[in-house]
């Protein structure tokens, strides 16, 4: 069995103007997945980001085991020992499903989820309503993770990664007249979404191991939905760089590729200048929507 370990943050940007004594006026947003975690501090009133940090969990097998790794990282991090106005925690995993509101019944949420995925851990089942598609994202949160977060924070709100991504993407492109294929890339998971005629017609997540996997799933969706790779408007966000092998291979098949700015409404400190504008799409937009 591989040993699970944490490296030091692979990215850390802290604004020199950040004042810890004012933390009660700031929001903390956390994104946690099987193999990584990110933290972001934002001032909603001033539309400013003050800090962002990302850490990888090496060789971690399941999101249910992420809580101890997160605690080890967080308790000694810049973000610890501060009280915040609000704390939002995004759960990024494949353990979710989307159900139209017309078919949704709260008491049947667990059944809906178990129909589409097999849970490998004890979990709390939560639902998140997405107004733009009139549907609920039903998602599982490991019980151990909930308990661990309660020990760190007195109060927090949970969000599903799919709900944040859909909400922000539909807000941007619901009035677009062109077909849009959107890809969100984050730590060995690929989210693919298709918007057409002001509606979301497809959304799914894929775990991948190789560059070829990303291209395969993307072209598979194109083929299934009869999307012409040479004509489709392809939008990319998340942790992917233009010089990466994933982008280079995608560009061989899909030429109309654009990166999406994570958020145009909020301002960044000077230290953010080296971070690609499409990185941390979910964590930044969750901060803007709270």
Protein backbone atom coordinates (compact mmCIF):
# COMPACT_ATOMS: atom_id res chain seq x y z
CA UNK A 1 0.00 0.00 0.00
CA UNK A 2 1.33 3.42 -0.96
CA UNK A 3 2.04 5.81 1.87
CA UNK A 4 -0.21 8.86 1.88
CA UNK A 5 1.62 12.12 2.43
CA UNK A 6 1.28 15.85 1.99
CA UNK A 7 3.78 18.01 0.25
CA UNK A 8 4.09 21.68 1.07
CA UNK A 9 1.62 23.89 -0.81
CA UNK A 10 2.38 23.87 -4.52
CA UNK A 11 0.97 27.38 -4.74
CA UNK A 12 0.60 30.08 -2.10
CA UNK A 13 -0.23 33.74 -2.64
CA UNK A 14 -0.90 36.06 0.31
CA UNK A 15 -1.63 39.77 -0.21
CA UNK A 16 0.72 41.98 1.82
CA UNK A 17 -2.28 44.18 2.64
CA UNK A 18 -4.18 41.36 4.32
CA UNK A 19 -5.08 42.20 7.92
CA UNK A 20 -5.78 39.21 10.17
CA UNK A 21 -7.47 41.46 12.71
CA UNK A 22 -10.26 42.00 10.14
CA UNK A 23 -10.81 38.31 9.40
CA UNK A 24 -14.38 38.47 10.76
CA UNK A 25 -15.30 40.54 7.71
CA UNK A 26 -13.83 38.01 5.24
CA UNK A 27 -15.10 34.79 3.70
CA UNK A 28 -13.05 31.59 3.63
CA UNK A 29 -13.76 29.20 0.75
CA UNK A 30 -12.30 25.69 0.74
CA UNK A 31 -12.31 23.16 -2.08
CA UNK A 32 -11.57 19.60 -0.96
CA UNK A 33 -11.24 16.49 -3.10
CA UNK A 34 -9.64 13.07 -2.97
CA UNK A 35 -6.20 14.31 -3.92
CA UNK A 36 -6.04 18.02 -3.08
CA UNK A 37 -7.38 21.01 -1.20
CA UNK A 38 -7.46 24.74 -1.92
CA UNK A 39 -8.24 27.68 0.36
CA UNK A 40 -9.21 31.22 -0.59
CA UNK A 41 -9.90 34.34 1.49
CA UNK A 42 -12.09 37.01 -0.05
CA UNK A 43 -13.64 40.33 0.94
CA UNK A 44 -17.12 40.24 -0.59
CA UNK A 45 -17.87 43.91 0.09
CA UNK A 46 -14.71 45.15 -1.62
CA UNK A 47 -14.68 42.41 -4.27
CA UNK A 48 -11.09 41.51 -3.40
CA UNK A 49 -9.15 38.26 -3.09
CA UNK A 50 -6.52 38.34 -0.35
CA UNK A 51 -5.11 34.83 -0.28
CA UNK A 52 -5.15 31.53 -2.12
CA UNK A 53 -3.28 28.32 -1.42
CA UNK A 54 -3.29 24.86 -2.96
CA UNK A 55 -1.93 21.61 -1.52
CA UNK A 56 -1.78 18.10 -2.99
CA UNK A 57 -2.58 14.89 -1.11
CA UNK A 58 -0.18 12.32 -2.52
CA UNK A 59 -1.42 8.74 -3.06
CA UNK A 60 -4.75 9.29 -1.29
CA UNK A 61 -7.27 6.66 -2.40
CA UNK A 62 -10.62 8.19 -1.43
CA UNK A 63 -12.19 11.52 -0.47
CA UNK A 64 -13.39 9.98 2.80
CA UNK A 65 -9.73 9.83 3.84
CA UNK A 66 -9.02 13.46 2.94
CA UNK A 67 -10.16 14.98 6.23
CA UNK A 68 -7.12 13.93 8.28
CA UNK A 69 -4.80 15.13 5.53
CA UNK A 70 -6.65 18.42 5.37
CA UNK A 71 -6.49 18.87 9.15
CA UNK A 72 -2.72 18.23 9.15
CA UNK A 73 -2.26 20.87 6.45
CA UNK A 74 -4.79 23.44 7.65
CA UNK A 75 -3.88 23.54 11.34
CA UNK A 76 -0.39 24.80 10.53
CA UNK A 77 -1.38 26.95 7.55
CA UNK A 78 -1.77 30.71 7.16
CA UNK A 79 -5.57 30.25 7.25
CA UNK A 80 -5.71 28.66 10.69
CA UNK A 81 -6.51 30.34 14.01
CA UNK A 82 -8.68 33.02 12.43
CA UNK A 83 -12.42 33.55 12.71
CA UNK A 84 -14.25 34.30 9.48
CA UNK A 85 -17.56 35.88 8.60
CA UNK A 86 -18.48 32.70 6.74
CA UNK A 87 -16.88 29.44 5.65
CA UNK A 88 -17.93 27.63 2.47
CA UNK A 89 -16.64 24.14 1.68
CA UNK A 90 -16.87 22.78 -1.86
CA UNK A 91 -16.98 18.99 -2.10
CA UNK A 92 -15.31 17.87 -5.34
CA UNK A 93 -15.98 14.25 -6.15
CA UNK A 94 -17.77 11.89 -8.51
CA UNK A 95 -20.37 11.04 -5.85
CA UNK A 96 -23.24 13.18 -7.12
CA UNK A 97 -26.21 13.07 -9.45
CA UNK A 98 -28.51 15.69 -11.00
CA UNK A 99 -32.29 15.38 -10.73
CA UNK A 100 -34.87 17.74 -12.32
CA UNK A 101 -36.91 19.56 -9.69
CA UNK A 102 -40.14 18.12 -11.13
CA UNK A 103 -38.93 14.63 -10.19
CA UNK A 104 -37.15 15.50 -6.96
CA UNK A 105 -38.38 14.33 -3.56
CA UNK A 106 -36.19 15.14 -0.57
CA UNK A 107 -36.91 11.85 1.19
CA UNK A 108 -35.73 9.93 -1.89
CA UNK A 109 -32.43 11.78 -2.30
CA UNK A 110 -30.30 8.85 -1.15
CA UNK A 111 -32.09 6.48 -3.53
CA UNK A 112 -31.47 8.84 -6.46
CA UNK A 113 -27.77 8.96 -5.62
CA UNK A 114 -27.38 5.21 -5.08
CA UNK A 115 -29.01 4.60 -8.46
CA UNK A 116 -26.18 6.42 -10.24
CA UNK A 117 -23.14 5.77 -8.03
CA UNK A 118 -21.84 3.27 -5.50
CA UNK A 119 -20.77 4.80 -2.21
CA UNK A 120 -17.64 3.37 -0.64
CA UNK A 121 -17.94 5.12 2.72
CA UNK A 122 -20.44 6.30 5.32
CA UNK A 123 -21.89 9.57 4.12
CA UNK A 124 -24.35 12.37 4.66
CA UNK A 125 -26.57 13.06 1.65
CA UNK A 126 -27.11 16.69 0.72
CA UNK A 127 -29.06 18.49 -2.02
CA UNK A 128 -28.28 21.78 -3.74
CA UNK A 129 -30.83 23.54 -5.95
CA UNK A 130 -29.55 25.09 -9.19
CA UNK A 131 -32.08 27.66 -10.35
CA UNK A 132 -30.66 28.06 -13.87
CA UNK A 133 -31.38 24.43 -14.77
CA UNK A 134 -34.29 23.90 -12.37
CA UNK A 135 -32.62 20.83 -10.92
CA UNK A 136 -31.06 19.52 -7.73
CA UNK A 137 -27.50 18.33 -7.39
CA UNK A 138 -27.62 15.47 -4.89
CA UNK A 139 -24.20 14.69 -3.46
CA UNK A 140 -22.51 12.60 -0.79
CA UNK A 141 -20.24 14.04 1.88
CA UNK A 142 -18.19 11.56 3.92
CA UNK A 143 -19.39 11.48 7.53
CA UNK A 144 -15.77 11.61 8.70
CA UNK A 145 -15.22 14.77 6.69
CA UNK A 146 -18.28 16.46 8.19
CA UNK A 147 -17.17 15.55 11.70
CA UNK A 148 -13.65 16.77 11.03
CA UNK A 149 -14.84 20.10 9.67
CA UNK A 150 -17.08 20.62 12.70
CA UNK A 151 -13.99 20.29 14.89
CA UNK A 152 -12.22 23.02 12.91
CA UNK A 153 -15.11 25.43 12.20
CA UNK A 154 -18.03 26.34 14.40
CA UNK A 155 -20.22 26.85 11.34
CA UNK A 156 -19.85 26.25 7.61
CA UNK A 157 -21.85 25.72 4.43
CA UNK A 158 -21.38 22.81 2.04
CA UNK A 159 -21.49 23.15 -1.75
CA UNK A 160 -21.18 20.52 -4.51
CA UNK A 161 -18.54 21.26 -7.15
CA UNK A 162 -21.05 20.50 -9.90
CA UNK A 163 -23.51 23.04 -8.49
CA UNK A 164 -20.94 25.85 -8.41
CA UNK A 165 -19.66 25.05 -11.90
CA UNK A 166 -23.13 24.86 -13.45
CA UNK A 167 -24.38 28.00 -11.71
CA UNK A 168 -21.47 30.14 -12.89
CA UNK A 169 -21.32 28.67 -16.40
CA UNK A 170 -25.04 29.08 -17.05
CA UNK A 171 -24.86 32.63 -15.77
CA UNK A 172 -22.19 33.41 -18.35
CA UNK A 173 -23.49 31.53 -21.37
CA UNK A 174 -27.25 31.10 -21.00
CA UNK A 175 -27.84 33.82 -23.61
CA UNK A 176 -25.27 32.52 -26.07
CA UNK A 177 -26.62 31.50 -29.46
CA UNK A 178 -23.76 29.09 -30.17
CA UNK A 179 -23.24 25.57 -28.89
CA UNK A 180 -20.69 25.56 -26.11
CA UNK A 181 -18.65 22.66 -24.81
CA UNK A 182 -17.08 23.53 -21.47
CA UNK A 183 -14.31 21.57 -19.75
CA UNK A 184 -13.26 22.00 -16.15
CA UNK A 185 -9.96 20.28 -15.34
CA UNK A 186 -8.93 19.69 -11.75
CA UNK A 187 -6.58 17.11 -10.24
CA UNK A 188 -7.26 14.02 -12.36
CA UNK A 189 -10.95 14.82 -12.82
CA UNK A 190 -12.58 16.23 -15.95
CA UNK A 191 -16.02 17.88 -15.88
CA UNK A 192 -17.68 18.28 -19.27
CA UNK A 193 -20.75 20.46 -19.86
CA UNK A 194 -22.69 21.34 -23.01
CA UNK A 195 -24.94 24.39 -23.33
CA UNK A 196 -27.28 24.78 -26.31
CA UNK A 197 -30.26 27.05 -26.93
CA UNK A 198 -29.90 28.60 -23.46
CA UNK A 199 -30.10 25.20 -21.75
CA UNK A 200 -27.66 22.72 -20.28
CA UNK A 201 -28.05 19.53 -22.29
CA UNK A 202 -25.15 17.56 -20.82
CA UNK A 203 -23.03 17.40 -17.66
CA UNK A 204 -20.79 14.62 -16.44
CA UNK A 205 -17.51 14.02 -14.62
CA UNK A 206 -14.72 11.65 -15.56
CA UNK A 207 -11.68 10.51 -13.61
CA UNK A 208 -8.60 10.30 -15.80
CA UNK A 209 -5.04 9.01 -15.53
CA UNK A 210 -3.46 10.10 -18.81
CA UNK A 211 -3.53 12.95 -21.30
CA UNK A 212 -5.14 10.61 -23.80
CA UNK A 213 -8.01 9.96 -21.37
CA UNK A 214 -8.98 13.65 -21.40
CA UNK A 215 -9.04 13.76 -25.20
CA UNK A 216 -10.93 10.47 -25.38
CA UNK A 217 -13.73 11.61 -23.06
CA UNK A 218 -13.98 14.98 -24.77
CA UNK A 219 -14.26 13.48 -28.25
CA UNK A 220 -16.66 10.82 -26.95
CA UNK A 221 -19.04 13.55 -25.77
CA UNK A 222 -18.68 15.31 -29.11
CA UNK A 223 -19.50 12.10 -30.97
CA UNK A 224 -22.44 11.21 -28.71
CA UNK A 225 -24.02 14.65 -29.03
CA UNK A 226 -23.08 15.10 -32.71
CA UNK A 227 -20.82 18.06 -31.99
CA UNK A 228 -18.32 18.87 -34.71
CA UNK A 229 -14.89 19.23 -33.03
CA UNK A 230 -13.79 21.60 -35.78
CA UNK A 231 -16.72 23.95 -35.19
CA UNK A 232 -17.70 23.68 -31.53
CA UNK A 233 -16.87 26.58 -29.22
CA UNK A 234 -14.72 24.90 -26.58
CA UNK A 235 -14.20 26.70 -23.26
CA UNK A 236 -11.62 25.50 -20.71
CA UNK A 237 -11.11 26.39 -17.07
CA UNK A 238 -9.39 24.92 -14.07
CA UNK A 239 -5.83 23.82 -13.46
CA UNK A 240 -4.57 23.38 -17.02
CA UNK A 241 -1.90 25.44 -18.77
CA UNK A 242 -1.61 26.21 -22.46
CA UNK A 243 1.80 24.54 -22.61
CA UNK A 244 0.51 21.36 -20.93
CA UNK A 245 0.36 18.05 -22.79
CA UNK A 246 -3.42 17.95 -22.28
CA UNK A 247 -3.97 21.28 -24.04
CA UNK A 248 -1.53 20.49 -26.84
CA UNK A 249 -3.26 17.19 -27.63
CA UNK A 250 -6.75 18.69 -27.37
CA UNK A 251 -5.74 21.38 -29.84
CA UNK A 252 -4.94 18.75 -32.45
CA UNK A 253 -8.62 17.81 -32.53
CA UNK A 254 -10.44 20.96 -31.39
CA UNK A 255 -9.20 24.29 -32.71
CA UNK A 256 -11.73 26.78 -31.33
CA UNK A 257 -10.41 26.73 -27.75
CA UNK A 258 -10.68 29.60 -25.28
CA UNK A 259 -9.70 29.82 -21.63
CA UNK A 260 -12.35 31.29 -19.30
CA UNK A 261 -11.39 33.95 -16.79
CA UNK A 262 -12.33 32.60 -13.38
CA UNK A 263 -13.95 35.85 -12.31
CA UNK A 264 -14.07 39.28 -13.90
CA UNK A 265 -16.01 40.93 -11.08
CA UNK A 266 -13.40 40.51 -8.36
CA UNK A 267 -10.00 42.16 -8.11
CA UNK A 268 -6.71 40.43 -7.41
CA UNK A 269 -3.63 41.58 -5.56
CA UNK A 270 -0.37 41.99 -7.45
CA UNK A 271 0.86 38.63 -6.25
CA UNK A 272 -1.74 36.88 -8.37
CA UNK A 273 -0.24 38.08 -11.65
CA UNK A 274 1.61 34.81 -12.31
CA UNK A 275 -1.51 32.65 -11.80
CA UNK A 276 -3.39 31.92 -15.05
CA UNK A 277 -6.75 33.71 -14.99
CA UNK A 278 -8.70 30.47 -15.57
CA UNK A 279 -7.26 28.66 -12.53
CA UNK A 280 -9.33 27.96 -9.37
CA UNK A 281 -12.60 28.49 -11.26
CA UNK A 282 -14.89 26.90 -8.68
CA UNK A 283 -13.31 28.24 -5.51
CA UNK A 284 -13.20 31.79 -6.86
CA UNK A 285 -16.77 31.75 -8.14
CA UNK A 286 -18.11 30.20 -4.96
CA UNK A 287 -16.56 33.17 -3.15
CA UNK A 288 -18.30 35.57 -5.51
CA UNK A 289 -21.70 33.90 -5.10
CA UNK A 290 -21.97 33.62 -1.31
